[in-house]
Amino acid sequence: MKKPKLIALDSGDESKEKAHEFYRDVEADILARTLWGEARGEGSAGMQAVACVILNRVAEAEKRGRYWWGNNIIQVCQKPYQFSCWNRSDPNYKKLQSVGESDLYFATALRMARRAITGTLGDPTQGATHYHAADITPYWARGEKPSAVIGQHIFYRIV
């Protein structure tokens, strides 16, 4: 059997555009899965708010040069223990891996993710970088003033 031959891709504009398009598709998919996993029960308004938290974290990282929770949408979404749907112990994790566009909520999340990536999503959270379900109070929320309450989630700007 002959060894496969590696061939360099053309570094022209078309290849760069295809690579950029592929990255944007992956980015939209991961963002949509995060929105679906975190807020599908909150409808479009809840998914929009979670998308804004992610975008606000990315913006904060860009402003600082980088930040511990990640520097781009993919890193922020998949930072361990930041969005519970990505935790392997979370009941949503396996569902998150297999959901597709035939699921109405995921199709909505994907449309929301694409809008977020293109910058056409308004921010109802007032710049929030954190949120939690209304029925819990994590240690980091104690003494913090909420920036918004949307559905069953409470949002905060903490940087």
N, C-alpha and C. Protein backbone atom coordinates (compact mmCIF):
# COMPACT_ATOMS: atom_id res chain seq x y z
N MET A 1 0.85 -1.19 0.00
CA MET A 1 0.00 0.00 0.00
C MET A 1 0.89 1.25 0.00
N LYS A 2 0.55 2.15 -0.84
CA LYS A 2 1.32 3.37 -0.99
C LYS A 2 0.94 4.38 0.08
N LYS A 3 1.94 5.08 0.60
CA LYS A 3 1.73 6.11 1.61
C LYS A 3 1.03 7.32 0.98
N PRO A 4 0.01 7.88 1.68
CA PRO A 4 -0.67 9.06 1.10
C PRO A 4 0.30 10.23 0.96
N LYS A 5 0.09 10.99 -0.06
CA LYS A 5 0.95 12.13 -0.34
C LYS A 5 0.25 13.41 0.15
N LEU A 6 0.98 14.18 0.91
CA LEU A 6 0.44 15.45 1.40
C LEU A 6 0.64 16.51 0.33
N ILE A 7 -0.40 17.24 0.06
CA ILE A 7 -0.34 18.29 -0.95
C ILE A 7 -0.77 19.60 -0.29
N ALA A 8 0.05 20.60 -0.46
CA ALA A 8 -0.27 21.91 0.11
C ALA A 8 -1.45 22.52 -0.63
N LEU A 9 -2.33 23.15 0.12
CA LEU A 9 -3.45 23.85 -0.51
C LEU A 9 -2.97 25.17 -1.07
N ASP A 10 -3.62 25.57 -2.12
CA ASP A 10 -3.35 26.88 -2.69
C ASP A 10 -3.65 27.94 -1.64
N SER A 11 -2.76 28.90 -1.51
CA SER A 11 -2.98 29.95 -0.51
C SER A 11 -3.75 31.13 -1.08
N GLY A 12 -4.42 30.90 -2.17
CA GLY A 12 -5.19 31.96 -2.81
C GLY A 12 -6.43 32.35 -2.03
N ASP A 13 -7.07 33.39 -2.49
CA ASP A 13 -8.25 33.94 -1.82
C ASP A 13 -9.38 32.93 -1.69
N GLU A 14 -9.56 32.06 -2.72
CA GLU A 14 -10.65 31.09 -2.69
C GLU A 14 -10.47 30.09 -1.53
N SER A 15 -9.25 29.61 -1.34
CA SER A 15 -8.98 28.67 -0.24
C SER A 15 -9.19 29.34 1.10
N LYS A 16 -8.73 30.56 1.23
CA LYS A 16 -8.91 31.30 2.48
C LYS A 16 -10.38 31.52 2.78
N GLU A 17 -11.15 31.82 1.74
CA GLU A 17 -12.58 32.04 1.91
C GLU A 17 -13.28 30.76 2.34
N LYS A 18 -12.89 29.63 1.73
CA LYS A 18 -13.48 28.35 2.11
C LYS A 18 -13.14 28.00 3.56
N ALA A 19 -11.92 28.25 3.96
CA ALA A 19 -11.51 27.97 5.35
C ALA A 19 -12.28 28.87 6.31
N HIS A 20 -12.45 30.12 5.95
CA HIS A 20 -13.19 31.07 6.79
C HIS A 20 -14.66 30.65 6.90
N GLU A 21 -15.23 30.24 5.78
CA GLU A 21 -16.62 29.78 5.76
C GLU A 21 -16.80 28.53 6.63
N PHE A 22 -15.84 27.60 6.54
CA PHE A 22 -15.90 26.39 7.36
C PHE A 22 -15.84 26.75 8.85
N TYR A 23 -14.93 27.65 9.22
CA TYR A 23 -14.81 28.07 10.62
C TYR A 23 -16.12 28.71 11.10
N ARG A 24 -16.71 29.57 10.29
CA ARG A 24 -17.97 30.23 10.66
C ARG A 24 -19.10 29.21 10.85
N ASP A 25 -19.12 28.17 10.03
CA ASP A 25 -20.13 27.12 10.18
C ASP A 25 -19.94 26.36 11.50
N VAL A 26 -18.70 26.04 11.83
CA VAL A 26 -18.41 25.36 13.10
C VAL A 26 -18.77 26.27 14.27
N GLU A 27 -18.39 27.52 14.16
CA GLU A 27 -18.69 28.50 15.21
C GLU A 27 -20.20 28.63 15.43
N ALA A 28 -20.96 28.71 14.35
CA ALA A 28 -22.43 28.82 14.46
C ALA A 28 -23.01 27.56 15.07
N ASP A 29 -22.49 26.40 14.69
CA ASP A 29 -22.99 25.14 15.23
C ASP A 29 -22.74 25.05 16.73
N ILE A 30 -21.54 25.37 17.18
CA ILE A 30 -21.23 25.29 18.61
C ILE A 30 -22.04 26.32 19.39
N LEU A 31 -22.17 27.52 18.86
CA LEU A 31 -22.98 28.53 19.54
C LEU A 31 -24.44 28.07 19.61
N ALA A 32 -24.96 27.54 18.51
CA ALA A 32 -26.36 27.08 18.50
C ALA A 32 -26.57 25.95 19.50
N ARG A 33 -25.64 25.02 19.57
CA ARG A 33 -25.75 23.92 20.54
C ARG A 33 -25.73 24.45 21.96
N THR A 34 -24.93 25.47 22.20
CA THR A 34 -24.88 26.08 23.53
C THR A 34 -26.22 26.74 23.85
N LEU A 35 -26.76 27.48 22.91
CA LEU A 35 -28.05 28.14 23.13
C LEU A 35 -29.15 27.11 23.36
N TRP A 36 -29.14 26.06 22.56
CA TRP A 36 -30.13 24.99 22.71
C TRP A 36 -29.97 24.31 24.06
N GLY A 37 -28.76 23.99 24.43
CA GLY A 37 -28.52 23.28 25.68
C GLY A 37 -28.81 24.10 26.92
N GLU A 38 -28.60 25.39 26.82
CA GLU A 38 -28.76 26.27 27.98
C GLU A 38 -30.15 26.90 28.08
N ALA A 39 -30.80 27.17 26.95
CA ALA A 39 -31.99 28.02 27.01
C ALA A 39 -33.13 27.62 26.08
N ARG A 40 -33.16 26.39 25.60
CA ARG A 40 -34.26 26.04 24.68
C ARG A 40 -35.62 26.17 25.34
N GLY A 41 -35.70 26.00 26.63
CA GLY A 41 -36.96 26.15 27.35
C GLY A 41 -37.36 27.59 27.58
N GLU A 42 -36.49 28.51 27.23
CA GLU A 42 -36.75 29.94 27.42
C GLU A 42 -37.16 30.64 26.13
N GLY A 43 -37.27 29.90 25.05
CA GLY A 43 -37.68 30.48 23.78
C GLY A 43 -36.64 31.39 23.17
N SER A 44 -37.03 32.11 22.15
CA SER A 44 -36.10 32.99 21.42
C SER A 44 -35.48 34.04 22.31
N ALA A 45 -36.27 34.64 23.20
CA ALA A 45 -35.74 35.69 24.06
C ALA A 45 -34.64 35.16 24.97
N GLY A 46 -34.84 33.97 25.52
CA GLY A 46 -33.82 33.38 26.39
C GLY A 46 -32.57 32.99 25.63
N MET A 47 -32.75 32.42 24.43
CA MET A 47 -31.59 32.05 23.62
C MET A 47 -30.81 33.29 23.19
N GLN A 48 -31.52 34.36 22.85
CA GLN A 48 -30.87 35.61 22.47
C GLN A 48 -30.04 36.13 23.64
N ALA A 49 -30.60 36.08 24.84
CA ALA A 49 -29.89 36.59 26.01
C ALA A 49 -28.62 35.78 26.28
N VAL A 50 -28.69 34.46 26.17
CA VAL A 50 -27.50 33.63 26.38
C VAL A 50 -26.46 33.91 25.29
N ALA A 51 -26.91 34.08 24.06
CA ALA A 51 -25.98 34.42 22.97
C ALA A 51 -25.26 35.73 23.29
N CYS A 52 -25.97 36.68 23.85
CA CYS A 52 -25.36 37.96 24.19
C CYS A 52 -24.33 37.82 25.30
N VAL A 53 -24.58 36.96 26.26
CA VAL A 53 -23.58 36.71 27.31
C VAL A 53 -22.29 36.20 26.66
N ILE A 54 -22.42 35.28 25.73
CA ILE A 54 -21.25 34.72 25.05
C ILE A 54 -20.54 35.82 24.26
N LEU A 55 -21.29 36.60 23.49
CA LEU A 55 -20.69 37.69 22.71
C LEU A 55 -20.04 38.73 23.62
N ASN A 56 -20.66 39.02 24.75
CA ASN A 56 -20.09 39.99 25.68
C ASN A 56 -18.79 39.48 26.29
N ARG A 57 -18.70 38.18 26.53
CA ARG A 57 -17.45 37.60 27.02
C ARG A 57 -16.36 37.70 25.95
N VAL A 58 -16.71 37.44 24.71
CA VAL A 58 -15.74 37.57 23.62
C VAL A 58 -15.28 39.02 23.50
N ALA A 59 -16.20 39.95 23.57
CA ALA A 59 -15.86 41.38 23.48
C ALA A 59 -14.93 41.79 24.63
N GLU A 60 -15.20 41.29 25.81
CA GLU A 60 -14.35 41.60 26.96
C GLU A 60 -12.95 41.04 26.76
N ALA A 61 -12.85 39.82 26.23
CA ALA A 61 -11.54 39.22 25.94
C ALA A 61 -10.79 40.03 24.89
N GLU A 62 -11.51 40.51 23.87
CA GLU A 62 -10.87 41.33 22.83
C GLU A 62 -10.36 42.64 23.42
N LYS A 63 -11.15 43.23 24.29
CA LYS A 63 -10.77 44.50 24.92
C LYS A 63 -9.51 44.33 25.77
N ARG A 64 -9.40 43.22 26.47
CA ARG A 64 -8.26 42.97 27.36
C ARG A 64 -7.07 42.33 26.66
N GLY A 65 -7.27 41.89 25.43
CA GLY A 65 -6.21 41.18 24.73
C GLY A 65 -6.38 39.67 24.83
N ARG A 66 -7.02 39.20 25.87
CA ARG A 66 -7.42 37.81 26.10
C ARG A 66 -8.04 37.73 27.48
N TYR A 67 -8.75 36.63 27.75
CA TYR A 67 -9.37 36.48 29.06
C TYR A 67 -9.50 35.00 29.38
N TRP A 68 -9.55 34.67 30.64
CA TRP A 68 -9.52 33.27 31.10
C TRP A 68 -10.66 32.43 30.57
N TRP A 69 -11.81 33.04 30.26
CA TRP A 69 -12.94 32.22 29.82
C TRP A 69 -12.91 31.95 28.32
N GLY A 70 -11.90 32.44 27.62
CA GLY A 70 -11.75 32.20 26.18
C GLY A 70 -11.74 33.49 25.41
N ASN A 71 -11.25 33.41 24.18
CA ASN A 71 -11.06 34.60 23.37
C ASN A 71 -11.94 34.66 22.13
N ASN A 72 -12.67 33.59 21.88
CA ASN A 72 -13.58 33.58 20.73
C ASN A 72 -14.82 32.77 21.11
N ILE A 73 -15.79 32.75 20.23
CA ILE A 73 -17.07 32.11 20.54
C ILE A 73 -16.90 30.64 20.90
N ILE A 74 -16.09 29.92 20.15
CA ILE A 74 -15.91 28.49 20.43
C ILE A 74 -15.27 28.28 21.79
N GLN A 75 -14.21 29.00 22.07
CA GLN A 75 -13.53 28.86 23.36
C GLN A 75 -14.45 29.23 24.52
N VAL A 76 -15.19 30.30 24.39
CA VAL A 76 -16.09 30.72 25.47
C VAL A 76 -17.18 29.67 25.70
N CYS A 77 -17.77 29.18 24.64
CA CYS A 77 -18.84 28.18 24.79
C CYS A 77 -18.34 26.91 25.45
N GLN A 78 -17.15 26.48 25.08
CA GLN A 78 -16.67 25.18 25.54
C GLN A 78 -15.70 25.24 26.71
N LYS A 79 -15.55 26.42 27.31
CA LYS A 79 -14.71 26.51 28.50
C LYS A 79 -15.31 25.62 29.58
N PRO A 80 -14.52 24.71 30.14
CA PRO A 80 -15.09 23.80 31.15
C PRO A 80 -15.80 24.53 32.30
N TYR A 81 -16.97 24.04 32.61
CA TYR A 81 -17.79 24.48 33.74
C TYR A 81 -18.36 25.89 33.60
N GLN A 82 -18.37 26.43 32.39
CA GLN A 82 -18.99 27.74 32.19
C GLN A 82 -20.42 27.61 31.68
N PHE A 83 -20.65 26.70 30.76
CA PHE A 83 -21.98 26.44 30.24
C PHE A 83 -22.24 24.96 30.48
N SER A 84 -23.09 24.68 31.44
CA SER A 84 -23.25 23.32 31.95
C SER A 84 -23.62 22.29 30.89
N CYS A 85 -24.26 22.72 29.81
CA CYS A 85 -24.65 21.76 28.78
C CYS A 85 -23.44 21.06 28.16
N TRP A 86 -22.25 21.64 28.26
CA TRP A 86 -21.03 21.04 27.71
C TRP A 86 -20.32 20.16 28.72
N ASN A 87 -20.77 20.15 29.97
CA ASN A 87 -20.17 19.26 30.97
C ASN A 87 -20.61 17.83 30.67
N ARG A 88 -19.68 16.93 30.59
CA ARG A 88 -20.00 15.54 30.24
C ARG A 88 -20.94 14.89 31.25
N SER A 89 -20.98 15.39 32.47
CA SER A 89 -21.87 14.82 33.48
C SER A 89 -23.29 15.40 33.39
N ASP A 90 -23.49 16.42 32.58
CA ASP A 90 -24.80 17.05 32.45
C ASP A 90 -25.72 16.17 31.61
N PRO A 91 -26.99 16.02 32.03
CA PRO A 91 -27.93 15.19 31.25
C PRO A 91 -28.14 15.70 29.82
N ASN A 92 -27.90 16.98 29.58
CA ASN A 92 -28.07 17.54 28.24
C ASN A 92 -26.93 17.19 27.30
N TYR A 93 -25.78 16.80 27.83
CA TYR A 93 -24.58 16.63 27.00
C TYR A 93 -24.80 15.67 25.83
N LYS A 94 -25.33 14.49 26.09
CA LYS A 94 -25.54 13.52 25.00
C LYS A 94 -26.58 14.02 24.01
N LYS A 95 -27.62 14.67 24.53
CA LYS A 95 -28.64 15.24 23.64
C LYS A 95 -28.02 16.31 22.75
N LEU A 96 -27.14 17.11 23.35
CA LEU A 96 -26.46 18.21 22.66
C LEU A 96 -25.67 17.69 21.47
N GLN A 97 -25.08 16.53 21.61
CA GLN A 97 -24.25 15.95 20.55
C GLN A 97 -25.08 15.46 19.36
N SER A 98 -26.32 15.07 19.62
CA SER A 98 -27.09 14.44 18.56
C SER A 98 -28.23 15.29 17.98
N VAL A 99 -28.53 16.41 18.59
CA VAL A 99 -29.64 17.23 18.08
C VAL A 99 -29.30 17.77 16.69
N GLY A 100 -30.34 17.89 15.86
CA GLY A 100 -30.15 18.42 14.51
C GLY A 100 -31.23 19.42 14.16
N GLU A 101 -31.17 19.92 12.95
CA GLU A 101 -32.09 20.97 12.52
C GLU A 101 -33.54 20.52 12.41
N SER A 102 -33.79 19.22 12.49
CA SER A 102 -35.18 18.76 12.49
C SER A 102 -35.87 19.12 13.81
N ASP A 103 -35.08 19.40 14.84
CA ASP A 103 -35.60 19.87 16.12
C ASP A 103 -35.88 21.37 15.99
N LEU A 104 -37.12 21.77 16.16
CA LEU A 104 -37.51 23.17 15.98
C LEU A 104 -36.70 24.12 16.86
N TYR A 105 -36.44 23.73 18.09
CA TYR A 105 -35.69 24.60 19.00
C TYR A 105 -34.24 24.74 18.54
N PHE A 106 -33.66 23.65 18.03
CA PHE A 106 -32.28 23.76 17.52
C PHE A 106 -32.24 24.60 16.26
N ALA A 107 -33.21 24.45 15.37
CA ALA A 107 -33.26 25.27 14.16
C ALA A 107 -33.34 26.76 14.54
N THR A 108 -34.13 27.06 15.57
CA THR A 108 -34.23 28.44 16.07
C THR A 108 -32.89 28.90 16.64
N ALA A 109 -32.24 28.03 17.41
CA ALA A 109 -30.94 28.35 18.00
C ALA A 109 -29.90 28.60 16.91
N LEU A 110 -29.95 27.84 15.83
CA LEU A 110 -29.00 28.01 14.74
C LEU A 110 -29.22 29.35 14.04
N ARG A 111 -30.46 29.70 13.81
CA ARG A 111 -30.75 31.03 13.21
C ARG A 111 -30.27 32.14 14.15
N MET A 112 -30.50 31.98 15.45
CA MET A 112 -30.06 32.96 16.44
C MET A 112 -28.54 33.07 16.45
N ALA A 113 -27.87 31.93 16.38
CA ALA A 113 -26.40 31.91 16.38
C ALA A 113 -25.85 32.65 15.16
N ARG A 114 -26.44 32.41 14.01
CA ARG A 114 -25.97 33.09 12.79
C ARG A 114 -26.17 34.60 12.89
N ARG A 115 -27.29 35.00 13.45
CA ARG A 115 -27.52 36.44 13.66
C ARG A 115 -26.50 37.01 14.63
N ALA A 116 -26.19 36.26 15.68
CA ALA A 116 -25.22 36.73 16.67
C ALA A 116 -23.85 36.93 16.02
N ILE A 117 -23.44 35.96 15.21
CA ILE A 117 -22.13 36.02 14.56
C ILE A 117 -22.03 37.17 13.58
N THR A 118 -23.13 37.49 12.91
CA THR A 118 -23.10 38.60 11.95
C THR A 118 -23.29 39.96 12.62
N GLY A 119 -23.53 39.96 13.93
CA GLY A 119 -23.65 41.22 14.65
C GLY A 119 -25.01 41.88 14.54
N THR A 120 -26.05 41.13 14.22
CA THR A 120 -27.39 41.72 14.04
C THR A 120 -28.33 41.40 15.20
N LEU A 121 -27.76 41.04 16.34
CA LEU A 121 -28.56 40.66 17.50
C LEU A 121 -28.49 41.78 18.54
N GLY A 122 -29.63 42.29 18.97
CA GLY A 122 -29.64 43.28 20.04
C GLY A 122 -29.31 42.63 21.37
N ASP A 123 -28.86 43.42 22.33
CA ASP A 123 -28.47 42.88 23.64
C ASP A 123 -29.46 43.29 24.73
N PRO A 124 -30.42 42.41 25.05
CA PRO A 124 -31.38 42.73 26.11
C PRO A 124 -30.81 42.55 27.53
N THR A 125 -29.55 42.09 27.62
CA THR A 125 -28.96 41.81 28.94
C THR A 125 -28.19 42.99 29.52
N GLN A 126 -28.09 44.07 28.75
CA GLN A 126 -27.33 45.25 29.19
C GLN A 126 -25.86 44.92 29.43
N GLY A 127 -25.28 44.12 28.55
CA GLY A 127 -23.85 43.81 28.62
C GLY A 127 -23.48 42.69 29.57
N ALA A 128 -24.43 41.84 29.92
CA ALA A 128 -24.17 40.77 30.89
C ALA A 128 -23.07 39.82 30.43
N THR A 129 -22.28 39.38 31.39
CA THR A 129 -21.24 38.38 31.14
C THR A 129 -21.52 37.09 31.91
N HIS A 130 -22.53 37.09 32.74
CA HIS A 130 -22.88 35.93 33.56
C HIS A 130 -24.40 35.83 33.67
N TYR A 131 -24.87 34.62 33.98
CA TYR A 131 -26.30 34.41 34.27
C TYR A 131 -26.44 33.12 35.04
N HIS A 132 -27.61 32.98 35.63
CA HIS A 132 -27.94 31.72 36.30
C HIS A 132 -29.45 31.56 36.31
N ALA A 133 -29.89 30.33 36.54
CA ALA A 133 -31.32 30.05 36.65
C ALA A 133 -31.85 30.73 37.91
N ALA A 134 -33.07 31.20 37.83
CA ALA A 134 -33.66 31.96 38.94
C ALA A 134 -33.84 31.14 40.21
N ASP A 135 -33.87 29.83 40.10
CA ASP A 135 -34.11 29.00 41.29
C ASP A 135 -32.84 28.64 42.06
N ILE A 136 -31.70 29.17 41.64
CA ILE A 136 -30.45 28.96 42.38
C ILE A 136 -29.74 30.29 42.58
N THR A 137 -28.81 30.35 43.51
CA THR A 137 -27.97 31.53 43.70
C THR A 137 -26.52 31.08 43.84
N PRO A 138 -25.76 31.14 42.76
CA PRO A 138 -24.36 30.73 42.85
C PRO A 138 -23.55 31.74 43.70
N TYR A 139 -22.42 31.28 44.21
CA TYR A 139 -21.60 32.12 45.08
C TYR A 139 -21.20 33.42 44.41
N TRP A 140 -20.93 33.39 43.10
CA TRP A 140 -20.45 34.58 42.41
C TRP A 140 -21.53 35.65 42.24
N ALA A 141 -22.80 35.29 42.42
CA ALA A 141 -23.90 36.25 42.25
C ALA A 141 -24.23 37.00 43.55
N ARG A 142 -23.74 36.52 44.67
CA ARG A 142 -24.05 37.16 45.96
C ARG A 142 -23.50 38.58 45.97
N GLY A 143 -24.38 39.52 46.27
CA GLY A 143 -23.99 40.93 46.34
C GLY A 143 -23.93 41.64 45.00
N GLU A 144 -24.17 40.92 43.91
CA GLU A 144 -24.13 41.53 42.57
C GLU A 144 -25.53 42.00 42.18
N LYS A 145 -25.58 43.11 41.45
CA LYS A 145 -26.86 43.65 40.99
C LYS A 145 -27.17 43.11 39.60
N PRO A 146 -28.33 42.50 39.42
CA PRO A 146 -28.69 41.98 38.10
C PRO A 146 -28.81 43.10 37.06
N SER A 147 -28.40 42.79 35.83
CA SER A 147 -28.56 43.74 34.73
C SER A 147 -29.86 43.47 33.98
N ALA A 148 -30.38 42.24 34.12
CA ALA A 148 -31.64 41.88 33.44
C ALA A 148 -32.17 40.58 34.02
N VAL A 149 -33.48 40.42 33.92
CA VAL A 149 -34.13 39.15 34.22
C VAL A 149 -34.95 38.82 32.98
N ILE A 150 -34.62 37.68 32.37
CA ILE A 150 -35.29 37.27 31.13
C ILE A 150 -35.73 35.83 31.32
N GLY A 151 -37.03 35.63 31.32
CA GLY A 151 -37.56 34.30 31.58
C GLY A 151 -37.15 33.83 32.97
N GLN A 152 -36.61 32.65 33.03
CA GLN A 152 -36.17 32.07 34.31
C GLN A 152 -34.67 32.23 34.54
N HIS A 153 -34.04 33.21 33.86
CA HIS A 153 -32.62 33.46 34.04
C HIS A 153 -32.38 34.89 34.54
N ILE A 154 -31.40 35.03 35.41
CA ILE A 154 -30.99 36.33 35.93
C ILE A 154 -29.61 36.63 35.39
N PHE A 155 -29.41 37.82 34.84
CA PHE A 155 -28.18 38.20 34.15
C PHE A 155 -27.43 39.27 34.91
N TYR A 156 -26.09 39.23 34.80
CA TYR A 156 -25.20 40.16 35.51
C TYR A 156 -24.04 40.56 34.61
N ARG A 157 -23.59 41.78 34.79
CA ARG A 157 -22.34 42.22 34.14
C ARG A 157 -21.28 42.20 35.23
N ILE A 158 -20.40 41.22 35.16
CA ILE A 158 -19.33 41.07 36.15
C ILE A 158 -18.01 40.92 35.41
N VAL A 159 -17.17 41.93 35.50
CA VAL A 159 -15.84 41.84 34.87
C VAL A 159 -14.78 42.43 35.76
